[in-house]
């Protein structure tokens, strides 16, 4: 599926913010990102359009809740009973 999401505020993984931005998704991958005006000119046809006005697009969060002790002690004493 090819999507053109336009007129949104986009926050990239590198913490760059693109206001009135657009992104292109082809086959479940983001292939282009920039200002809505230039992206719409470049990819005008053949895309399902989603209006993102008033919305923020952010990267997906992976494992956003992790306690330090869980990381440091992972696997420690797995062979012992828990009391």
N, C-alpha and C. Protein backbone atom coordinates (compact mmCIF):
# COMPACT_ATOMS: atom_id res chain seq x y z
N UNK A 1 0.84 -1.17 0.00
CA UNK A 1 0.00 0.00 0.00
C UNK A 1 0.89 1.24 0.00
N UNK A 2 0.56 2.20 -0.83
CA UNK A 2 1.30 3.46 -0.92
C UNK A 2 0.51 4.58 -0.28
N UNK A 3 1.12 5.25 0.69
CA UNK A 3 0.44 6.32 1.43
C UNK A 3 1.20 7.62 1.32
N UNK A 4 0.47 8.72 1.30
CA UNK A 4 1.02 10.07 1.42
C UNK A 4 0.33 10.72 2.60
N UNK A 5 1.05 10.86 3.69
CA UNK A 5 0.52 11.53 4.88
C UNK A 5 1.03 12.96 4.83
N UNK A 6 0.14 13.94 4.83
CA UNK A 6 0.54 15.32 4.59
C UNK A 6 0.00 16.28 5.64
N UNK A 7 0.64 17.45 5.72
CA UNK A 7 0.24 18.57 6.59
C UNK A 7 0.27 18.21 8.08
N UNK A 8 1.20 17.34 8.46
CA UNK A 8 1.34 16.95 9.86
C UNK A 8 2.64 17.53 10.42
N UNK A 9 2.77 17.51 11.73
CA UNK A 9 4.04 17.81 12.37
C UNK A 9 4.75 16.48 12.54
N UNK A 10 5.95 16.38 11.98
CA UNK A 10 6.67 15.11 11.98
C UNK A 10 7.92 15.24 12.83
N UNK A 11 8.07 14.30 13.78
CA UNK A 11 9.26 14.23 14.62
C UNK A 11 10.06 13.03 14.14
N UNK A 12 11.31 13.25 13.70
CA UNK A 12 12.12 12.15 13.18
C UNK A 12 12.88 11.46 14.30
N UNK A 13 13.51 10.35 14.00
CA UNK A 13 14.32 9.62 14.99
C UNK A 13 15.51 10.44 15.46
N UNK A 14 15.95 11.39 14.65
CA UNK A 14 17.08 12.24 15.02
C UNK A 14 16.62 13.53 15.68
N UNK A 15 15.38 13.53 16.16
CA UNK A 15 14.77 14.65 16.89
C UNK A 15 14.64 15.92 16.07
N UNK A 16 14.55 15.77 14.77
CA UNK A 16 14.28 16.91 13.89
C UNK A 16 12.76 17.04 13.78
N UNK A 17 12.25 18.26 13.82
CA UNK A 17 10.81 18.49 13.72
C UNK A 17 10.52 19.17 12.40
N UNK A 18 9.61 18.57 11.62
CA UNK A 18 9.19 19.13 10.34
C UNK A 18 7.73 19.55 10.48
N UNK A 19 7.51 20.85 10.51
CA UNK A 19 6.14 21.37 10.60
C UNK A 19 5.56 21.45 9.20
N UNK A 20 4.26 21.20 9.09
CA UNK A 20 3.59 21.12 7.78
C UNK A 20 4.34 20.14 6.89
N UNK A 21 4.66 19.00 7.47
CA UNK A 21 5.45 17.99 6.77
C UNK A 21 4.60 16.90 6.16
N UNK A 22 5.27 16.12 5.33
CA UNK A 22 4.61 14.99 4.68
C UNK A 22 5.61 13.84 4.62
N UNK A 23 5.08 12.63 4.58
CA UNK A 23 5.93 11.48 4.37
C UNK A 23 5.26 10.51 3.42
N UNK A 24 6.10 9.76 2.73
CA UNK A 24 5.65 8.77 1.75
C UNK A 24 5.97 7.39 2.28
N UNK A 25 4.97 6.51 2.27
CA UNK A 25 5.15 5.13 2.69
C UNK A 25 4.86 4.24 1.48
N UNK A 26 5.84 3.41 1.13
CA UNK A 26 5.68 2.43 0.05
C UNK A 26 6.06 1.07 0.61
N UNK A 27 5.18 0.12 0.47
CA UNK A 27 5.43 -1.26 0.93
C UNK A 27 5.92 -1.29 2.37
N UNK A 28 5.22 -0.57 3.25
CA UNK A 28 5.47 -0.54 4.69
C UNK A 28 6.81 0.09 5.07
N UNK A 29 7.40 0.89 4.18
CA UNK A 29 8.65 1.59 4.48
C UNK A 29 8.50 3.07 4.16
N UNK A 30 9.04 3.91 5.02
CA UNK A 30 9.05 5.35 4.74
C UNK A 30 10.16 5.59 3.72
N UNK A 31 9.79 6.12 2.56
CA UNK A 31 10.79 6.33 1.50
C UNK A 31 11.15 7.79 1.29
N UNK A 32 10.32 8.71 1.77
CA UNK A 32 10.63 10.13 1.62
C UNK A 32 9.90 10.92 2.69
N UNK A 33 10.49 12.05 3.05
CA UNK A 33 9.95 12.90 4.09
C UNK A 33 10.39 14.32 3.81
N UNK A 34 9.50 15.28 4.03
CA UNK A 34 9.86 16.68 3.82
C UNK A 34 8.66 17.58 4.00
N UNK A 35 8.77 18.79 3.49
CA UNK A 35 7.65 19.74 3.54
C UNK A 35 6.52 19.25 2.64
N UNK A 36 5.29 19.47 3.08
CA UNK A 36 4.13 18.98 2.34
C UNK A 36 4.09 19.47 0.90
N UNK A 37 4.38 20.75 0.68
CA UNK A 37 4.28 21.31 -0.66
C UNK A 37 5.19 20.57 -1.64
N UNK A 38 6.44 20.33 -1.27
CA UNK A 38 7.36 19.67 -2.20
C UNK A 38 7.05 18.18 -2.35
N UNK A 39 6.66 17.53 -1.28
CA UNK A 39 6.34 16.10 -1.35
C UNK A 39 5.09 15.88 -2.21
N UNK A 40 4.08 16.74 -2.05
CA UNK A 40 2.86 16.60 -2.86
C UNK A 40 3.17 16.79 -4.34
N UNK A 41 4.07 17.72 -4.68
CA UNK A 41 4.44 17.92 -6.09
C UNK A 41 5.16 16.69 -6.64
N UNK A 42 6.03 16.13 -5.83
CA UNK A 42 6.86 15.00 -6.25
C UNK A 42 6.06 13.69 -6.36
N UNK A 43 5.10 13.49 -5.44
CA UNK A 43 4.32 12.25 -5.38
C UNK A 43 2.84 12.57 -5.48
N UNK A 44 2.41 13.19 -6.53
CA UNK A 44 1.03 13.66 -6.64
C UNK A 44 -0.02 12.59 -6.84
N UNK A 45 0.31 11.55 -7.58
CA UNK A 45 -0.71 10.55 -7.95
C UNK A 45 -0.31 9.15 -7.52
N UNK A 46 -1.32 8.31 -7.37
CA UNK A 46 -1.08 6.91 -7.06
C UNK A 46 -0.88 6.60 -5.60
N UNK A 47 -1.17 7.55 -4.74
CA UNK A 47 -1.00 7.34 -3.31
C UNK A 47 -2.31 7.63 -2.59
N UNK A 48 -2.61 6.81 -1.59
CA UNK A 48 -3.74 7.11 -0.72
C UNK A 48 -3.32 8.27 0.17
N UNK A 49 -4.11 9.31 0.20
CA UNK A 49 -3.75 10.52 0.93
C UNK A 49 -4.41 10.54 2.30
N UNK A 50 -3.63 10.88 3.32
CA UNK A 50 -4.12 11.00 4.68
C UNK A 50 -3.79 12.41 5.16
N UNK A 51 -4.81 13.15 5.56
CA UNK A 51 -4.62 14.51 6.05
C UNK A 51 -4.20 14.45 7.51
N UNK A 52 -3.01 14.96 7.80
CA UNK A 52 -2.49 14.93 9.16
C UNK A 52 -2.57 16.27 9.87
N UNK A 53 -3.41 17.16 9.36
CA UNK A 53 -3.52 18.50 9.95
C UNK A 53 -3.90 18.38 11.44
N UNK A 54 -3.12 19.03 12.29
CA UNK A 54 -3.37 18.99 13.73
C UNK A 54 -2.86 17.72 14.40
N UNK A 55 -2.14 16.89 13.66
CA UNK A 55 -1.62 15.62 14.21
C UNK A 55 -0.10 15.67 14.27
N UNK A 56 0.47 14.82 15.13
CA UNK A 56 1.92 14.69 15.24
C UNK A 56 2.28 13.25 14.90
N UNK A 57 3.26 13.07 14.04
CA UNK A 57 3.76 11.75 13.67
C UNK A 57 5.09 11.55 14.38
N UNK A 58 5.19 10.47 15.18
CA UNK A 58 6.41 10.21 15.95
C UNK A 58 6.90 8.80 15.64
N UNK A 59 8.20 8.56 15.86
CA UNK A 59 8.72 7.20 15.67
C UNK A 59 8.09 6.24 16.67
N UNK A 60 8.05 4.98 16.31
CA UNK A 60 7.53 3.95 17.21
C UNK A 60 8.44 3.78 18.41
N UNK A 61 7.86 3.53 19.55
CA UNK A 61 8.64 3.31 20.76
C UNK A 61 8.86 1.82 20.95
N UNK A 62 10.08 1.47 21.28
CA UNK A 62 10.42 0.07 21.50
C UNK A 62 10.94 -0.06 22.92
N UNK A 63 10.31 -0.92 23.71
CA UNK A 63 10.73 -1.17 25.09
C UNK A 63 10.89 0.15 25.85
N UNK A 64 9.82 0.87 26.00
CA UNK A 64 9.90 2.17 26.66
C UNK A 64 9.84 2.09 28.17
N UNK A 65 9.64 0.90 28.71
CA UNK A 65 9.59 0.77 30.17
C UNK A 65 10.54 -0.35 30.59
N UNK A 66 11.69 0.03 31.08
CA UNK A 66 12.69 -0.95 31.49
C UNK A 66 13.32 -0.47 32.79
N UNK A 67 13.31 -1.29 33.80
CA UNK A 67 13.99 -0.97 35.05
C UNK A 67 15.45 -1.37 34.92
N UNK A 68 16.33 -0.56 35.45
CA UNK A 68 17.77 -0.84 35.35
C UNK A 68 18.10 -2.19 35.94
N UNK A 69 17.53 -2.49 37.08
CA UNK A 69 17.83 -3.77 37.72
C UNK A 69 17.42 -4.95 36.84
N UNK A 70 16.37 -4.79 36.08
CA UNK A 70 15.94 -5.87 35.18
C UNK A 70 17.02 -6.16 34.14
N UNK A 71 17.69 -5.13 33.67
CA UNK A 71 18.75 -5.30 32.69
C UNK A 71 20.01 -5.87 33.32
N UNK A 72 20.39 -5.30 34.47
CA UNK A 72 21.65 -5.70 35.10
C UNK A 72 21.61 -7.12 35.65
N UNK A 73 20.47 -7.53 36.17
CA UNK A 73 20.37 -8.83 36.83
C UNK A 73 19.70 -9.91 35.98
N UNK A 74 19.47 -9.62 34.71
CA UNK A 74 18.82 -10.60 33.84
C UNK A 74 19.68 -11.86 33.76
N UNK A 75 19.09 -13.00 34.01
CA UNK A 75 19.79 -14.26 33.94
C UNK A 75 20.56 -14.64 35.20
N UNK A 76 20.67 -13.72 36.14
CA UNK A 76 21.41 -13.99 37.37
C UNK A 76 20.59 -14.91 38.27
N UNK A 77 21.12 -16.03 38.67
CA UNK A 77 20.49 -16.99 39.57
C UNK A 77 19.19 -17.54 39.01
N UNK A 78 19.13 -17.75 37.71
CA UNK A 78 17.92 -18.36 37.11
C UNK A 78 17.73 -19.80 37.57
N UNK A 79 18.79 -20.42 37.99
CA UNK A 79 18.72 -21.82 38.41
C UNK A 79 18.29 -21.98 39.86
N UNK A 80 18.06 -20.87 40.57
CA UNK A 80 17.69 -20.95 41.99
C UNK A 80 16.19 -20.66 42.15
N UNK A 81 15.56 -21.25 43.18
CA UNK A 81 14.13 -20.98 43.41
C UNK A 81 13.94 -19.53 43.93
N UNK A 82 12.81 -18.96 43.63
CA UNK A 82 12.50 -17.61 44.07
C UNK A 82 11.80 -17.67 45.43
N UNK A 83 12.37 -17.03 46.42
CA UNK A 83 11.78 -17.02 47.78
C UNK A 83 11.51 -15.59 48.17
